[in-house]
Amino acid sequence: MIDRIDQALHDIPELRSGIEPYGLWLAEHGVGLDEAPRALMKQAAVDVAADLHQERANATATLLEFSDGAYHRGFPARLGFDKGHAMAHAQGGREGGPNYFPQAPRVNRRLSPLGSLWRDIETYLARNPGLYCFVRLAYSPGLPSDVPVEVEYGLVAEGRFRAVIFPNA
């Protein structure tokens, strides 16, 4: 999977690597990117997400970590967007509002190289339960919208960490 991600980052100009801030955070804590224990990797993801949110929002970041098993009917439809799942059902993602977000069909479905990579990551994680992963939604600075402009998928696979930033348009 890591080779697939690296190749996609090379071949698809719309993709960006998001690995740099995590590497810097871990280095500040005396750990290399590919040697961080799971608990430290989780803390890096939370701290980096808060920092990135605060930079974009120009406000105090508040992050809430939760586990949600509630089903929410009527998730608001957005013209031109799918009801995306941060974590696919096959990965253990639950039905529920916090797991849903408006996602561009070309990323959510295999309609483009972007969608193919997104789905390949989901499939890989579903086939390899227990691997560390996260999804970070990034919103446009100053715009009051629940539609993220970017979606970052981070995972540790084959002993290495990768973070891929997908456009959501």
N, C-alpha and C. Protein backbone atom coordinates (compact mmCIF):
# COMPACT_ATOMS: atom_id res chain seq x y z
N MET A 1 0.82 -1.20 0.00
CA MET A 1 0.00 0.00 0.00
C MET A 1 0.86 1.26 0.00
N ILE A 2 1.95 1.25 0.76
CA ILE A 2 2.80 2.43 0.82
C ILE A 2 3.36 2.76 -0.56
N ASP A 3 3.79 1.75 -1.29
CA ASP A 3 4.30 2.00 -2.65
C ASP A 3 3.21 2.57 -3.54
N ARG A 4 1.98 2.08 -3.39
CA ARG A 4 0.83 2.59 -4.18
C ARG A 4 0.59 4.06 -3.87
N ILE A 5 0.64 4.41 -2.58
CA ILE A 5 0.45 5.80 -2.18
C ILE A 5 1.58 6.67 -2.73
N ASP A 6 2.82 6.23 -2.56
CA ASP A 6 3.96 7.01 -3.06
C ASP A 6 3.87 7.23 -4.56
N GLN A 7 3.46 6.19 -5.30
CA GLN A 7 3.32 6.33 -6.76
C GLN A 7 2.21 7.32 -7.10
N ALA A 8 1.09 7.25 -6.39
CA ALA A 8 -0.02 8.17 -6.65
C ALA A 8 0.39 9.61 -6.33
N LEU A 9 1.14 9.81 -5.25
CA LEU A 9 1.61 11.16 -4.93
C LEU A 9 2.52 11.71 -6.04
N HIS A 10 3.22 10.83 -6.70
CA HIS A 10 4.08 11.22 -7.82
C HIS A 10 3.28 11.48 -9.10
N ASP A 11 2.26 10.64 -9.35
CA ASP A 11 1.54 10.66 -10.62
C ASP A 11 0.33 11.60 -10.67
N ILE A 12 -0.28 11.90 -9.54
CA ILE A 12 -1.52 12.68 -9.53
C ILE A 12 -1.24 14.06 -8.94
N PRO A 13 -1.16 15.08 -9.78
CA PRO A 13 -0.78 16.41 -9.31
C PRO A 13 -1.73 17.00 -8.25
N GLU A 14 -2.98 16.57 -8.23
CA GLU A 14 -3.94 17.11 -7.27
C GLU A 14 -3.71 16.60 -5.85
N LEU A 15 -3.01 15.50 -5.71
CA LEU A 15 -2.71 14.95 -4.38
C LEU A 15 -1.51 15.67 -3.78
N ARG A 16 -1.54 15.78 -2.46
CA ARG A 16 -0.39 16.32 -1.75
C ARG A 16 -0.06 15.41 -0.59
N SER A 17 1.19 15.32 -0.27
CA SER A 17 1.59 14.59 0.93
C SER A 17 1.35 15.49 2.13
N GLY A 18 0.82 14.92 3.17
CA GLY A 18 0.60 15.67 4.39
C GLY A 18 1.55 15.28 5.50
N ILE A 19 2.61 14.56 5.15
CA ILE A 19 3.47 13.93 6.14
C ILE A 19 4.35 14.91 6.94
N GLU A 20 4.69 16.04 6.35
CA GLU A 20 5.67 16.94 6.97
C GLU A 20 5.32 17.39 8.39
N PRO A 21 4.11 17.90 8.67
CA PRO A 21 3.88 18.35 10.05
C PRO A 21 3.94 17.24 11.09
N TYR A 22 3.59 16.02 10.68
CA TYR A 22 3.65 14.89 11.62
C TYR A 22 5.11 14.53 11.90
N GLY A 23 5.93 14.54 10.85
CA GLY A 23 7.36 14.27 11.03
C GLY A 23 8.01 15.29 11.94
N LEU A 24 7.65 16.57 11.77
CA LEU A 24 8.22 17.62 12.62
C LEU A 24 7.77 17.44 14.07
N TRP A 25 6.50 17.15 14.28
CA TRP A 25 5.98 16.96 15.63
C TRP A 25 6.69 15.79 16.31
N LEU A 26 6.82 14.69 15.60
CA LEU A 26 7.48 13.53 16.18
C LEU A 26 8.95 13.79 16.46
N ALA A 27 9.62 14.50 15.55
CA ALA A 27 11.03 14.84 15.77
C ALA A 27 11.20 15.68 17.04
N GLU A 28 10.25 16.61 17.27
CA GLU A 28 10.30 17.42 18.50
C GLU A 28 10.16 16.54 19.75
N HIS A 29 9.57 15.38 19.58
CA HIS A 29 9.38 14.45 20.70
C HIS A 29 10.41 13.31 20.67
N GLY A 30 11.45 13.48 19.84
CA GLY A 30 12.57 12.55 19.83
C GLY A 30 12.31 11.21 19.18
N VAL A 31 11.33 11.16 18.27
CA VAL A 31 10.98 9.89 17.62
C VAL A 31 10.96 10.09 16.11
N GLY A 32 11.44 9.11 15.39
CA GLY A 32 11.39 9.14 13.93
C GLY A 32 9.99 8.80 13.44
N LEU A 33 9.69 9.24 12.25
CA LEU A 33 8.36 9.08 11.68
C LEU A 33 7.90 7.63 11.62
N ASP A 34 8.76 6.72 11.24
CA ASP A 34 8.37 5.34 11.07
C ASP A 34 8.64 4.47 12.30
N GLU A 35 9.03 5.10 13.40
CA GLU A 35 9.29 4.32 14.61
C GLU A 35 8.43 4.75 15.78
N ALA A 36 7.46 5.62 15.54
CA ALA A 36 6.61 6.13 16.61
C ALA A 36 5.65 5.05 17.09
N PRO A 37 5.55 4.86 18.40
CA PRO A 37 4.54 3.94 18.91
C PRO A 37 3.14 4.48 18.64
N ARG A 38 2.17 3.59 18.60
CA ARG A 38 0.80 3.95 18.24
C ARG A 38 0.25 5.11 19.09
N ALA A 39 0.47 5.08 20.38
CA ALA A 39 -0.06 6.13 21.26
C ALA A 39 0.53 7.49 20.90
N LEU A 40 1.82 7.52 20.60
CA LEU A 40 2.45 8.79 20.23
C LEU A 40 1.98 9.24 18.84
N MET A 41 1.77 8.31 17.93
CA MET A 41 1.25 8.64 16.60
C MET A 41 -0.15 9.25 16.73
N LYS A 42 -0.97 8.67 17.61
CA LYS A 42 -2.31 9.21 17.84
C LYS A 42 -2.23 10.63 18.38
N GLN A 43 -1.35 10.86 19.34
CA GLN A 43 -1.21 12.21 19.90
C GLN A 43 -0.71 13.19 18.84
N ALA A 44 0.21 12.74 17.99
CA ALA A 44 0.69 13.59 16.89
C ALA A 44 -0.46 13.97 15.98
N ALA A 45 -1.31 13.01 15.62
CA ALA A 45 -2.44 13.29 14.73
C ALA A 45 -3.38 14.32 15.35
N VAL A 46 -3.68 14.18 16.64
CA VAL A 46 -4.58 15.11 17.31
C VAL A 46 -3.94 16.50 17.40
N ASP A 47 -2.69 16.57 17.85
CA ASP A 47 -2.03 17.86 18.01
C ASP A 47 -1.83 18.58 16.67
N VAL A 48 -1.42 17.83 15.65
CA VAL A 48 -1.21 18.44 14.33
C VAL A 48 -2.55 18.91 13.77
N ALA A 49 -3.60 18.10 13.91
CA ALA A 49 -4.92 18.50 13.42
C ALA A 49 -5.38 19.80 14.10
N ALA A 50 -5.17 19.89 15.41
CA ALA A 50 -5.55 21.11 16.14
C ALA A 50 -4.75 22.31 15.63
N ASP A 51 -3.46 22.13 15.45
CA ASP A 51 -2.61 23.23 14.96
C ASP A 51 -3.03 23.67 13.56
N LEU A 52 -3.28 22.71 12.67
CA LEU A 52 -3.68 23.04 11.31
C LEU A 52 -5.04 23.72 11.28
N HIS A 53 -5.95 23.27 12.12
CA HIS A 53 -7.27 23.91 12.20
C HIS A 53 -7.14 25.34 12.70
N GLN A 54 -6.33 25.53 13.72
CA GLN A 54 -6.17 26.86 14.29
C GLN A 54 -5.55 27.82 13.27
N GLU A 55 -4.59 27.34 12.47
CA GLU A 55 -3.99 28.17 11.43
C GLU A 55 -5.04 28.62 10.41
N ARG A 56 -5.91 27.71 10.01
CA ARG A 56 -6.93 28.03 9.00
C ARG A 56 -8.07 28.86 9.56
N ALA A 57 -8.48 28.57 10.77
CA ALA A 57 -9.68 29.20 11.31
C ALA A 57 -9.38 30.51 12.02
N ASN A 58 -8.12 30.77 12.31
CA ASN A 58 -7.76 31.96 13.09
C ASN A 58 -8.58 32.05 14.36
N ALA A 59 -8.79 30.93 14.98
CA ALA A 59 -9.57 30.86 16.22
C ALA A 59 -9.01 29.75 17.09
N THR A 60 -9.46 29.71 18.30
CA THR A 60 -9.04 28.65 19.19
C THR A 60 -9.64 27.33 18.71
N ALA A 61 -8.79 26.34 18.53
CA ALA A 61 -9.25 25.03 18.05
C ALA A 61 -9.79 24.22 19.21
N THR A 62 -10.91 23.59 18.98
CA THR A 62 -11.46 22.66 19.94
C THR A 62 -11.65 21.34 19.22
N LEU A 63 -10.99 20.31 19.70
CA LEU A 63 -11.14 18.99 19.11
C LEU A 63 -11.88 18.10 20.08
N LEU A 64 -12.79 17.32 19.55
CA LEU A 64 -13.53 16.38 20.36
C LEU A 64 -13.28 15.00 19.79
N GLU A 65 -12.73 14.11 20.60
CA GLU A 65 -12.55 12.72 20.21
C GLU A 65 -13.72 11.95 20.79
N PHE A 66 -14.35 11.12 19.96
CA PHE A 66 -15.50 10.39 20.43
C PHE A 66 -15.68 9.12 19.63
N SER A 67 -16.52 8.26 20.15
CA SER A 67 -16.92 7.04 19.47
C SER A 67 -18.43 7.14 19.37
N ASP A 68 -18.98 7.08 18.16
CA ASP A 68 -20.40 7.30 17.99
C ASP A 68 -21.04 6.11 17.32
N GLY A 69 -22.04 5.54 17.93
CA GLY A 69 -22.75 4.41 17.34
C GLY A 69 -24.16 4.76 16.94
N ALA A 70 -24.51 6.04 16.98
CA ALA A 70 -25.89 6.44 16.67
C ALA A 70 -26.10 6.57 15.17
N TYR A 71 -27.27 6.17 14.72
CA TYR A 71 -27.62 6.33 13.32
C TYR A 71 -28.38 7.65 13.17
N HIS A 72 -28.02 8.41 12.18
CA HIS A 72 -28.66 9.70 11.94
C HIS A 72 -29.35 9.68 10.59
N ARG A 73 -30.65 9.61 10.60
CA ARG A 73 -31.40 9.66 9.34
C ARG A 73 -31.36 11.08 8.79
N GLY A 74 -31.46 11.16 7.49
CA GLY A 74 -31.60 12.46 6.86
C GLY A 74 -30.34 13.30 6.88
N PHE A 75 -29.19 12.64 6.83
CA PHE A 75 -27.95 13.43 6.73
C PHE A 75 -28.14 14.41 5.58
N PRO A 76 -27.90 15.69 5.81
CA PRO A 76 -28.21 16.69 4.78
C PRO A 76 -27.47 16.42 3.47
N ALA A 77 -28.25 16.32 2.41
CA ALA A 77 -27.67 16.13 1.08
C ALA A 77 -27.08 17.46 0.61
N ARG A 78 -26.00 17.39 -0.10
CA ARG A 78 -25.37 18.57 -0.69
C ARG A 78 -25.30 18.33 -2.19
N LEU A 79 -25.88 19.20 -2.95
CA LEU A 79 -25.87 19.07 -4.40
C LEU A 79 -24.44 18.92 -4.89
N GLY A 80 -24.18 17.87 -5.64
CA GLY A 80 -22.85 17.63 -6.19
C GLY A 80 -21.91 16.86 -5.29
N PHE A 81 -22.39 16.44 -4.12
CA PHE A 81 -21.55 15.69 -3.18
C PHE A 81 -22.23 14.39 -2.78
N ASP A 82 -21.41 13.39 -2.47
CA ASP A 82 -21.88 12.14 -1.90
C ASP A 82 -21.90 12.27 -0.38
N LYS A 83 -22.62 11.34 0.27
CA LYS A 83 -22.52 11.21 1.72
C LYS A 83 -21.28 10.34 1.96
N GLY A 84 -20.14 10.97 2.11
CA GLY A 84 -18.90 10.25 2.33
C GLY A 84 -18.79 9.77 3.76
N HIS A 85 -17.97 8.76 3.95
CA HIS A 85 -17.71 8.21 5.28
C HIS A 85 -16.24 8.40 5.60
N ALA A 86 -15.95 9.00 6.74
CA ALA A 86 -14.56 9.13 7.15
C ALA A 86 -13.92 7.75 7.26
N MET A 87 -14.62 6.83 7.87
CA MET A 87 -14.18 5.44 7.95
C MET A 87 -15.26 4.57 7.30
N ALA A 88 -14.89 3.83 6.28
CA ALA A 88 -15.83 2.97 5.57
C ALA A 88 -16.40 1.91 6.51
N HIS A 89 -17.59 1.44 6.18
CA HIS A 89 -18.20 0.39 6.99
C HIS A 89 -17.30 -0.84 7.07
N ALA A 90 -16.65 -1.19 5.98
CA ALA A 90 -15.77 -2.36 5.96
C ALA A 90 -14.58 -2.21 6.90
N GLN A 91 -14.23 -0.96 7.25
CA GLN A 91 -13.14 -0.70 8.19
C GLN A 91 -13.64 -0.65 9.62
N GLY A 92 -14.94 -0.73 9.80
CA GLY A 92 -15.50 -0.61 11.14
C GLY A 92 -16.16 0.73 11.38
N GLY A 93 -16.20 1.59 10.36
CA GLY A 93 -16.86 2.88 10.48
C GLY A 93 -18.35 2.68 10.71
N ARG A 94 -18.91 3.50 11.54
CA ARG A 94 -20.31 3.33 11.93
C ARG A 94 -21.22 4.25 11.13
N GLU A 95 -22.49 3.89 11.14
CA GLU A 95 -23.50 4.79 10.62
C GLU A 95 -23.64 5.89 11.66
N GLY A 96 -23.55 7.09 11.25
CA GLY A 96 -23.73 8.17 12.20
C GLY A 96 -23.22 9.48 11.66
N GLY A 97 -23.84 10.55 12.08
CA GLY A 97 -23.49 11.89 11.62
C GLY A 97 -22.02 12.22 11.70
N PRO A 98 -21.35 11.92 12.81
CA PRO A 98 -19.94 12.27 12.88
C PRO A 98 -19.05 11.53 11.89
N ASN A 99 -19.52 10.40 11.36
CA ASN A 99 -18.73 9.65 10.39
C ASN A 99 -19.03 10.10 8.96
N TYR A 100 -20.05 10.93 8.79
CA TYR A 100 -20.45 11.41 7.46
C TYR A 100 -19.88 12.78 7.18
N PHE A 101 -19.59 13.01 5.92
CA PHE A 101 -19.24 14.36 5.48
C PHE A 101 -19.54 14.47 3.99
N PRO A 102 -19.82 15.66 3.48
CA PRO A 102 -20.03 15.84 2.05
C PRO A 102 -18.71 15.60 1.31
N GLN A 103 -18.70 14.58 0.44
CA GLN A 103 -17.47 14.19 -0.26
C GLN A 103 -17.68 14.22 -1.77
N ALA A 104 -16.71 14.76 -2.47
CA ALA A 104 -16.77 14.83 -3.93
C ALA A 104 -16.86 13.41 -4.49
N PRO A 105 -17.81 13.17 -5.41
CA PRO A 105 -17.95 11.82 -5.98
C PRO A 105 -16.67 11.29 -6.62
N ARG A 106 -15.87 12.15 -7.24
CA ARG A 106 -14.66 11.66 -7.91
C ARG A 106 -13.61 11.18 -6.91
N VAL A 107 -13.77 11.53 -5.63
CA VAL A 107 -12.89 11.01 -4.59
C VAL A 107 -13.55 9.84 -3.87
N ASN A 108 -14.84 9.92 -3.66
CA ASN A 108 -15.56 8.88 -2.93
C ASN A 108 -15.75 7.61 -3.76
N ARG A 109 -15.81 7.75 -5.06
CA ARG A 109 -16.05 6.61 -5.95
C ARG A 109 -14.84 6.42 -6.87
N ARG A 110 -14.76 5.29 -7.49
CA ARG A 110 -13.68 5.01 -8.44
C ARG A 110 -13.95 5.68 -9.79
N LEU A 111 -14.14 7.00 -9.78
CA LEU A 111 -14.41 7.76 -11.00
C LEU A 111 -13.17 8.44 -11.55
N SER A 112 -12.10 8.36 -10.81
CA SER A 112 -10.86 9.04 -11.19
C SER A 112 -9.70 8.37 -10.45
N PRO A 113 -8.46 8.72 -10.80
CA PRO A 113 -7.33 8.19 -10.03
C PRO A 113 -7.41 8.56 -8.54
N LEU A 114 -7.99 9.73 -8.23
CA LEU A 114 -8.16 10.12 -6.83
C LEU A 114 -9.08 9.13 -6.11
N GLY A 115 -10.22 8.83 -6.73
CA GLY A 115 -11.17 7.90 -6.14
C GLY A 115 -10.62 6.50 -6.05
N SER A 116 -9.84 6.11 -7.03
CA SER A 116 -9.23 4.77 -6.99
C SER A 116 -8.28 4.65 -5.81
N LEU A 117 -7.48 5.68 -5.57
CA LEU A 117 -6.57 5.63 -4.43
C LEU A 117 -7.35 5.63 -3.12
N TRP A 118 -8.36 6.50 -2.99
CA TRP A 118 -9.18 6.54 -1.76
C TRP A 118 -9.73 5.15 -1.47
N ARG A 119 -10.33 4.53 -2.49
CA ARG A 119 -10.93 3.21 -2.31
C ARG A 119 -9.88 2.14 -2.04
N ASP A 120 -8.71 2.25 -2.67
CA ASP A 120 -7.63 1.29 -2.40
C ASP A 120 -7.19 1.36 -0.94
N ILE A 121 -7.11 2.58 -0.40
CA ILE A 121 -6.73 2.74 1.01
C ILE A 121 -7.81 2.12 1.90
N GLU A 122 -9.08 2.42 1.61
CA GLU A 122 -10.17 1.84 2.40
C GLU A 122 -10.13 0.31 2.36
N THR A 123 -9.95 -0.25 1.18
CA THR A 123 -9.92 -1.71 1.01
C THR A 123 -8.75 -2.32 1.77
N TYR A 124 -7.59 -1.68 1.66
CA TYR A 124 -6.40 -2.18 2.36
C TYR A 124 -6.64 -2.19 3.87
N LEU A 125 -7.18 -1.09 4.39
CA LEU A 125 -7.42 -1.02 5.83
C LEU A 125 -8.49 -2.02 6.27
N ALA A 126 -9.51 -2.26 5.45
CA ALA A 126 -10.53 -3.24 5.79
C ALA A 126 -9.95 -4.65 5.82
N ARG A 127 -8.99 -4.93 4.95
CA ARG A 127 -8.37 -6.26 4.90
C ARG A 127 -7.29 -6.45 5.96
N ASN A 128 -6.88 -5.36 6.57
CA ASN A 128 -5.82 -5.40 7.58
C ASN A 128 -6.30 -4.71 8.86
N PRO A 129 -7.27 -5.29 9.56
CA PRO A 129 -7.82 -4.64 10.74
C PRO A 129 -6.76 -4.38 11.80
N GLY A 130 -6.96 -3.29 12.51
CA GLY A 130 -6.06 -2.94 13.61
C GLY A 130 -4.95 -1.98 13.23
N LEU A 131 -4.81 -1.66 11.94
CA LEU A 131 -3.80 -0.70 11.54
C LEU A 131 -4.24 0.70 11.97
N TYR A 132 -3.27 1.53 12.31
CA TYR A 132 -3.59 2.89 12.73
C TYR A 132 -3.93 3.73 11.50
N CYS A 133 -5.03 4.48 11.59
CA CYS A 133 -5.40 5.39 10.51
C CYS A 133 -6.24 6.53 11.08
N PHE A 134 -6.34 7.60 10.32
CA PHE A 134 -7.22 8.71 10.69
C PHE A 134 -7.62 9.45 9.43
N VAL A 135 -8.71 10.19 9.54
CA VAL A 135 -9.17 11.08 8.48
C VAL A 135 -9.34 12.45 9.10
N ARG A 136 -8.76 13.47 8.45
CA ARG A 136 -8.86 14.85 8.92
C ARG A 136 -9.55 15.67 7.84
N LEU A 137 -10.63 16.35 8.22
CA LEU A 137 -11.35 17.22 7.30
C LEU A 137 -10.83 18.64 7.47
N ALA A 138 -10.49 19.28 6.36
CA ALA A 138 -9.96 20.65 6.39
C ALA A 138 -10.94 21.58 5.69
N TYR A 139 -11.30 22.65 6.37
CA TYR A 139 -12.29 23.59 5.87
C TYR A 139 -11.62 24.88 5.40
N SER A 140 -12.31 25.58 4.52
CA SER A 140 -11.78 26.81 3.96
C SER A 140 -11.76 27.90 5.03
N PRO A 141 -10.65 28.63 5.13
CA PRO A 141 -10.56 29.68 6.15
C PRO A 141 -11.65 30.74 5.95
N GLY A 142 -12.34 31.05 7.01
CA GLY A 142 -13.29 32.14 6.99
C GLY A 142 -14.62 31.87 6.32
N LEU A 143 -14.83 30.67 5.79
CA LEU A 143 -16.12 30.36 5.15
C LEU A 143 -16.93 29.46 6.06
N PRO A 144 -18.13 29.88 6.42
CA PRO A 144 -18.97 29.04 7.29
C PRO A 144 -19.64 27.94 6.46
N SER A 145 -18.99 26.83 6.30
CA SER A 145 -19.50 25.72 5.51
C SER A 145 -19.15 24.41 6.16
N ASP A 146 -20.03 23.42 5.99
CA ASP A 146 -19.75 22.09 6.51
C ASP A 146 -19.16 21.18 5.44
N VAL A 147 -18.75 21.78 4.32
CA VAL A 147 -18.13 21.01 3.24
C VAL A 147 -16.61 21.24 3.30
N PRO A 148 -15.86 20.19 3.63
CA PRO A 148 -14.41 20.37 3.68
C PRO A 148 -13.83 20.63 2.29
N VAL A 149 -12.78 21.43 2.22
CA VAL A 149 -12.11 21.68 0.94
C VAL A 149 -11.05 20.63 0.67
N GLU A 150 -10.57 20.00 1.73
CA GLU A 150 -9.58 18.92 1.61
C GLU A 150 -9.90 17.84 2.64
N VAL A 151 -9.48 16.62 2.31
CA VAL A 151 -9.63 15.50 3.23
C VAL A 151 -8.30 14.77 3.28
N GLU A 152 -7.76 14.67 4.48
CA GLU A 152 -6.46 14.01 4.66
C GLU A 152 -6.69 12.60 5.20
N TYR A 153 -6.06 11.64 4.55
CA TYR A 153 -6.10 10.25 5.00
C TYR A 153 -4.71 9.90 5.49
N GLY A 154 -4.58 9.54 6.75
CA GLY A 154 -3.30 9.14 7.31
C GLY A 154 -3.36 7.68 7.74
N LEU A 155 -2.28 6.96 7.53
CA LEU A 155 -2.24 5.56 7.94
C LEU A 155 -0.81 5.09 8.16
N VAL A 156 -0.70 4.10 9.01
CA VAL A 156 0.56 3.40 9.20
C VAL A 156 0.37 2.01 8.59
N ALA A 157 1.16 1.71 7.58
CA ALA A 157 1.09 0.41 6.89
C ALA A 157 2.50 -0.02 6.57
N GLU A 158 2.73 -1.32 6.66
CA GLU A 158 4.04 -1.87 6.34
C GLU A 158 5.14 -1.18 7.16
N GLY A 159 4.77 -0.76 8.37
CA GLY A 159 5.73 -0.12 9.27
C GLY A 159 6.07 1.31 8.92
N ARG A 160 5.36 1.91 7.97
CA ARG A 160 5.64 3.29 7.56
C ARG A 160 4.37 4.13 7.60
N PHE A 161 4.55 5.41 7.86
CA PHE A 161 3.44 6.35 7.95
C PHE A 161 3.33 7.15 6.66
N ARG A 162 2.10 7.34 6.20
CA ARG A 162 1.83 8.21 5.06
C ARG A 162 0.57 9.01 5.38
N ALA A 163 0.53 10.24 4.88
CA ALA A 163 -0.65 11.11 4.97
C ALA A 163 -0.85 11.70 3.59
N VAL A 164 -2.04 11.49 3.03
CA VAL A 164 -2.37 11.95 1.68
C VAL A 164 -3.49 12.97 1.79
N ILE A 165 -3.32 14.12 1.18
CA ILE A 165 -4.34 15.16 1.19
C ILE A 165 -5.05 15.16 -0.15
N PHE A 166 -6.35 14.85 -0.11
CA PHE A 166 -7.20 14.81 -1.30
C PHE A 166 -7.97 16.11 -1.43
N PRO A 167 -8.11 16.65 -2.63
CA PRO A 167 -9.01 17.79 -2.81
C PRO A 167 -10.45 17.29 -2.65
N ASN A 168 -11.35 18.14 -2.22
CA ASN A 168 -12.75 17.73 -2.08
C ASN A 168 -13.64 18.63 -2.94
N ALA A 169 -13.29 18.71 -4.19
CA ALA A 169 -14.08 19.53 -5.14
C ALA A 169 -14.22 18.76 -6.42
